[in-house]
Amino acid sequence: MALKDYMESEVMVAVAATAAALSPRARKVARRGAVYGLAGVLTISDAISAAVRDTKAATATAGLDAGTQDTTDATGMEASKPAEGGSA
């Protein structure tokens, strides 16, 4: 290989990736970035689920305040309704 071949962008990228993969410092930085990235994703997902849960609770409370009838029993299951009409 001539010096001109080493100056191609594909070769330079491969050399840089190999050097980064073999470098303990680069591996440490990449690992730390992955840990912080995962922690950020988990934090955001917790915030979103809490917001959805709060919105759902507020909506349920607003519905009860508006005079709608709650048909769930203490376990959260739908209460059975009596059959309408008489015998079929």
N, C-alpha and C. Protein backbone atom coordinates (compact mmCIF):
# COMPACT_ATOMS: atom_id res chain seq x y z
N MET A 1 0.83 -1.18 0.00
CA MET A 1 0.00 0.00 0.00
C MET A 1 0.88 1.25 0.00
N ALA A 2 0.50 2.15 -0.82
CA ALA A 2 1.24 3.40 -0.90
C ALA A 2 0.69 4.37 0.14
N LEU A 3 1.41 5.43 0.36
CA LEU A 3 0.99 6.45 1.33
C LEU A 3 -0.34 7.07 0.91
N LYS A 4 -0.57 7.15 -0.40
CA LYS A 4 -1.81 7.70 -0.92
C LYS A 4 -3.01 6.85 -0.47
N ASP A 5 -2.83 5.53 -0.37
CA ASP A 5 -3.91 4.63 0.04
C ASP A 5 -4.30 4.86 1.51
N TYR A 6 -3.33 5.23 2.33
CA TYR A 6 -3.62 5.47 3.76
C TYR A 6 -4.38 6.78 3.98
N MET A 7 -4.36 7.64 3.00
CA MET A 7 -5.03 8.93 3.14
C MET A 7 -6.50 8.91 2.71
N GLU A 8 -7.00 7.78 2.25
CA GLU A 8 -8.40 7.68 1.88
C GLU A 8 -9.27 7.73 3.13
N SER A 9 -10.45 8.30 2.98
CA SER A 9 -11.30 8.51 4.16
C SER A 9 -11.74 7.20 4.81
N GLU A 10 -12.00 6.17 4.00
CA GLU A 10 -12.43 4.89 4.57
C GLU A 10 -11.33 4.27 5.44
N VAL A 11 -10.11 4.37 4.97
CA VAL A 11 -8.97 3.82 5.72
C VAL A 11 -8.78 4.61 7.00
N MET A 12 -8.89 5.92 6.92
CA MET A 12 -8.70 6.75 8.11
C MET A 12 -9.78 6.46 9.16
N VAL A 13 -11.01 6.26 8.72
CA VAL A 13 -12.09 5.94 9.66
C VAL A 13 -11.82 4.59 10.31
N ALA A 14 -11.40 3.61 9.55
CA ALA A 14 -11.11 2.29 10.10
C ALA A 14 -9.96 2.35 11.10
N VAL A 15 -8.93 3.11 10.79
CA VAL A 15 -7.79 3.25 11.70
C VAL A 15 -8.22 3.95 12.99
N ALA A 16 -9.02 5.00 12.87
CA ALA A 16 -9.49 5.73 14.06
C ALA A 16 -10.39 4.84 14.91
N ALA A 17 -11.26 4.06 14.29
CA ALA A 17 -12.14 3.17 15.04
C ALA A 17 -11.34 2.09 15.75
N THR A 18 -10.34 1.55 15.08
CA THR A 18 -9.49 0.53 15.69
C THR A 18 -8.71 1.11 16.87
N ALA A 19 -8.18 2.29 16.69
CA ALA A 19 -7.43 2.93 17.78
C ALA A 19 -8.34 3.22 18.97
N ALA A 20 -9.55 3.67 18.69
CA ALA A 20 -10.49 3.95 19.78
C ALA A 20 -10.91 2.67 20.49
N ALA A 21 -11.11 1.59 19.74
CA ALA A 21 -11.52 0.33 20.35
C ALA A 21 -10.42 -0.27 21.21
N LEU A 22 -9.18 -0.02 20.85
CA LEU A 22 -8.07 -0.58 21.61
C LEU A 22 -7.58 0.33 22.72
N SER A 23 -8.03 1.56 22.74
CA SER A 23 -7.58 2.52 23.74
C SER A 23 -8.41 2.38 25.01
N PRO A 24 -7.78 2.14 26.15
CA PRO A 24 -8.53 2.03 27.41
C PRO A 24 -9.28 3.32 27.76
N ARG A 25 -8.68 4.45 27.47
CA ARG A 25 -9.34 5.72 27.78
C ARG A 25 -10.60 5.90 26.93
N ALA A 26 -10.50 5.57 25.64
CA ALA A 26 -11.66 5.70 24.75
C ALA A 26 -12.76 4.74 25.16
N ARG A 27 -12.40 3.52 25.54
CA ARG A 27 -13.42 2.56 26.00
C ARG A 27 -14.09 3.06 27.28
N LYS A 28 -13.33 3.66 28.17
CA LYS A 28 -13.90 4.20 29.40
C LYS A 28 -14.89 5.33 29.11
N VAL A 29 -14.52 6.21 28.19
CA VAL A 29 -15.41 7.32 27.81
C VAL A 29 -16.68 6.79 27.16
N ALA A 30 -16.54 5.80 26.27
CA ALA A 30 -17.71 5.22 25.60
C ALA A 30 -18.62 4.52 26.60
N ARG A 31 -18.03 3.80 27.54
CA ARG A 31 -18.81 3.10 28.56
C ARG A 31 -19.55 4.10 29.45
N ARG A 32 -18.86 5.16 29.85
CA ARG A 32 -19.49 6.19 30.68
C ARG A 32 -20.63 6.87 29.93
N GLY A 33 -20.43 7.13 28.65
CA GLY A 33 -21.47 7.72 27.83
C GLY A 33 -22.69 6.81 27.72
N ALA A 34 -22.45 5.52 27.58
CA ALA A 34 -23.56 4.57 27.49
C ALA A 34 -24.33 4.52 28.81
N VAL A 35 -23.62 4.56 29.92
CA VAL A 35 -24.28 4.53 31.24
C VAL A 35 -25.11 5.79 31.45
N TYR A 36 -24.54 6.95 31.15
CA TYR A 36 -25.28 8.20 31.31
C TYR A 36 -26.47 8.27 30.34
N GLY A 37 -26.27 7.77 29.13
CA GLY A 37 -27.37 7.75 28.17
C GLY A 37 -28.52 6.87 28.63
N LEU A 38 -28.20 5.69 29.15
CA LEU A 38 -29.24 4.79 29.65
C LEU A 38 -29.93 5.39 30.86
N ALA A 39 -29.17 6.02 31.74
CA ALA A 39 -29.77 6.68 32.91
C ALA A 39 -30.72 7.79 32.47
N GLY A 40 -30.37 8.53 31.45
CA GLY A 40 -31.24 9.58 30.94
C GLY A 40 -32.52 9.02 30.36
N VAL A 41 -32.42 7.93 29.63
CA VAL A 41 -33.61 7.29 29.06
C VAL A 41 -34.53 6.80 30.17
N LEU A 42 -33.98 6.17 31.20
CA LEU A 42 -34.79 5.69 32.32
C LEU A 42 -35.45 6.83 33.07
N THR A 43 -34.74 7.93 33.26
CA THR A 43 -35.30 9.10 33.95
C THR A 43 -36.46 9.70 33.15
N ILE A 44 -36.27 9.82 31.85
CA ILE A 44 -37.33 10.37 31.01
C ILE A 44 -38.54 9.46 30.99
N SER A 45 -38.32 8.15 30.92
CA SER A 45 -39.46 7.23 30.91
C SER A 45 -40.22 7.27 32.23
N ASP A 46 -39.51 7.41 33.34
CA ASP A 46 -40.17 7.55 34.64
C ASP A 46 -41.00 8.84 34.70
N ALA A 47 -40.46 9.92 34.18
CA ALA A 47 -41.18 11.20 34.18
C ALA A 47 -42.43 11.12 33.32
N ILE A 48 -42.32 10.48 32.17
CA ILE A 48 -43.48 10.36 31.28
C ILE A 48 -44.55 9.48 31.92
N SER A 49 -44.16 8.35 32.51
CA SER A 49 -45.16 7.48 33.12
C SER A 49 -45.82 8.15 34.32
N ALA A 50 -45.06 8.95 35.08
CA ALA A 50 -45.65 9.67 36.21
C ALA A 50 -46.64 10.72 35.71
N ALA A 51 -46.31 11.40 34.64
CA ALA A 51 -47.21 12.41 34.08
C ALA A 51 -48.50 11.76 33.57
N VAL A 52 -48.38 10.62 32.91
CA VAL A 52 -49.56 9.91 32.43
C VAL A 52 -50.41 9.44 33.59
N ARG A 53 -49.77 8.91 34.62
CA ARG A 53 -50.49 8.43 35.80
C ARG A 53 -51.21 9.59 36.49
N ASP A 54 -50.56 10.74 36.63
CA ASP A 54 -51.19 11.90 37.26
C ASP A 54 -52.35 12.44 36.42
N THR A 55 -52.17 12.44 35.10
CA THR A 55 -53.23 12.90 34.22
C THR A 55 -54.44 11.96 34.30
N LYS A 56 -54.16 10.68 34.35
CA LYS A 56 -55.24 9.70 34.45
C LYS A 56 -55.99 9.86 35.78
N ALA A 57 -55.27 10.07 36.87
CA ALA A 57 -55.90 10.26 38.17
C ALA A 57 -56.71 11.55 38.20
N ALA A 58 -56.17 12.61 37.61
CA ALA A 58 -56.88 13.89 37.59
C ALA A 58 -58.15 13.80 36.74
N THR A 59 -58.06 13.06 35.64
CA THR A 59 -59.22 12.88 34.78
C THR A 59 -60.30 12.08 35.50
N ALA A 60 -59.90 11.03 36.21
CA ALA A 60 -60.86 10.22 36.95
C ALA A 60 -61.50 11.04 38.06
N THR A 61 -60.72 11.86 38.75
CA THR A 61 -61.26 12.71 39.82
C THR A 61 -62.20 13.75 39.24
N ALA A 62 -61.85 14.34 38.12
CA ALA A 62 -62.70 15.35 37.49
C ALA A 62 -64.02 14.72 37.05
N GLY A 63 -63.97 13.49 36.57
CA GLY A 63 -65.19 12.80 36.16
C GLY A 63 -66.11 12.54 37.33
N LEU A 64 -65.55 12.20 38.49
CA LEU A 64 -66.36 11.96 39.68
C LEU A 64 -66.93 13.27 40.20
N ASP A 65 -66.16 14.35 40.09
CA ASP A 65 -66.64 15.65 40.55
C ASP A 65 -67.78 16.17 39.67
N ALA A 66 -67.79 15.76 38.42
CA ALA A 66 -68.81 16.24 37.48
C ALA A 66 -70.14 15.52 37.66
N GLY A 67 -70.19 14.54 38.54
CA GLY A 67 -71.44 13.86 38.82
C GLY A 67 -71.61 12.56 38.08
N THR A 68 -70.58 12.06 37.44
CA THR A 68 -70.71 10.77 36.78
C THR A 68 -70.67 9.68 37.83
N GLN A 69 -71.26 8.56 37.50
CA GLN A 69 -71.36 7.47 38.47
C GLN A 69 -70.18 6.54 38.29
N ASP A 70 -69.52 6.22 39.39
CA ASP A 70 -68.41 5.28 39.38
C ASP A 70 -68.98 3.88 39.51
N THR A 71 -68.71 3.02 38.52
CA THR A 71 -69.27 1.67 38.55
C THR A 71 -68.23 0.63 38.93
N THR A 72 -67.10 1.07 39.48
CA THR A 72 -66.10 0.11 39.91
C THR A 72 -66.24 -0.12 41.41
N ASP A 73 -65.94 -1.35 41.83
CA ASP A 73 -65.99 -1.64 43.26
C ASP A 73 -64.63 -1.36 43.88
N ALA A 74 -64.43 -1.74 45.13
CA ALA A 74 -63.20 -1.41 45.85
C ALA A 74 -61.96 -2.05 45.22
N THR A 75 -62.13 -3.15 44.51
CA THR A 75 -60.98 -3.81 43.89
C THR A 75 -60.62 -3.22 42.55
N GLY A 76 -61.44 -2.28 42.05
CA GLY A 76 -61.17 -1.67 40.76
C GLY A 76 -61.83 -2.41 39.61
N MET A 77 -62.57 -3.48 39.93
CA MET A 77 -63.26 -4.25 38.90
C MET A 77 -64.62 -3.61 38.61
N GLU A 78 -65.10 -3.79 37.41
CA GLU A 78 -66.40 -3.26 37.02
C GLU A 78 -67.48 -3.98 37.81
N ALA A 79 -68.35 -3.22 38.45
CA ALA A 79 -69.44 -3.80 39.24
C ALA A 79 -70.47 -4.38 38.28
N SER A 80 -71.08 -5.48 38.67
CA SER A 80 -72.09 -6.09 37.80
C SER A 80 -73.36 -5.27 37.84
N LYS A 81 -74.01 -5.17 36.70
CA LYS A 81 -75.23 -4.39 36.59
C LYS A 81 -76.42 -5.35 36.54
N PRO A 82 -77.53 -4.99 37.13
CA PRO A 82 -78.70 -5.88 37.06
C PRO A 82 -79.21 -5.97 35.63
N ALA A 83 -79.78 -7.10 35.30
CA ALA A 83 -80.31 -7.31 33.95
C ALA A 83 -81.52 -6.43 33.75
N GLU A 84 -81.63 -5.81 32.58
CA GLU A 84 -82.77 -4.96 32.27
C GLU A 84 -83.86 -5.80 31.63
N GLY A 85 -85.10 -5.35 31.79
CA GLY A 85 -86.19 -6.07 31.17
C GLY A 85 -86.61 -7.27 32.03
N GLY A 86 -87.26 -8.13 31.66
CA GLY A 86 -87.63 -9.31 32.45
C GLY A 86 -86.96 -10.52 31.87
N SER A 87 -87.64 -11.60 31.88
CA SER A 87 -87.10 -12.81 31.29
C SER A 87 -87.27 -12.74 29.79
N ALA A 88 -86.41 -13.37 29.08
CA ALA A 88 -86.45 -13.28 27.62
C ALA A 88 -87.34 -14.28 27.00
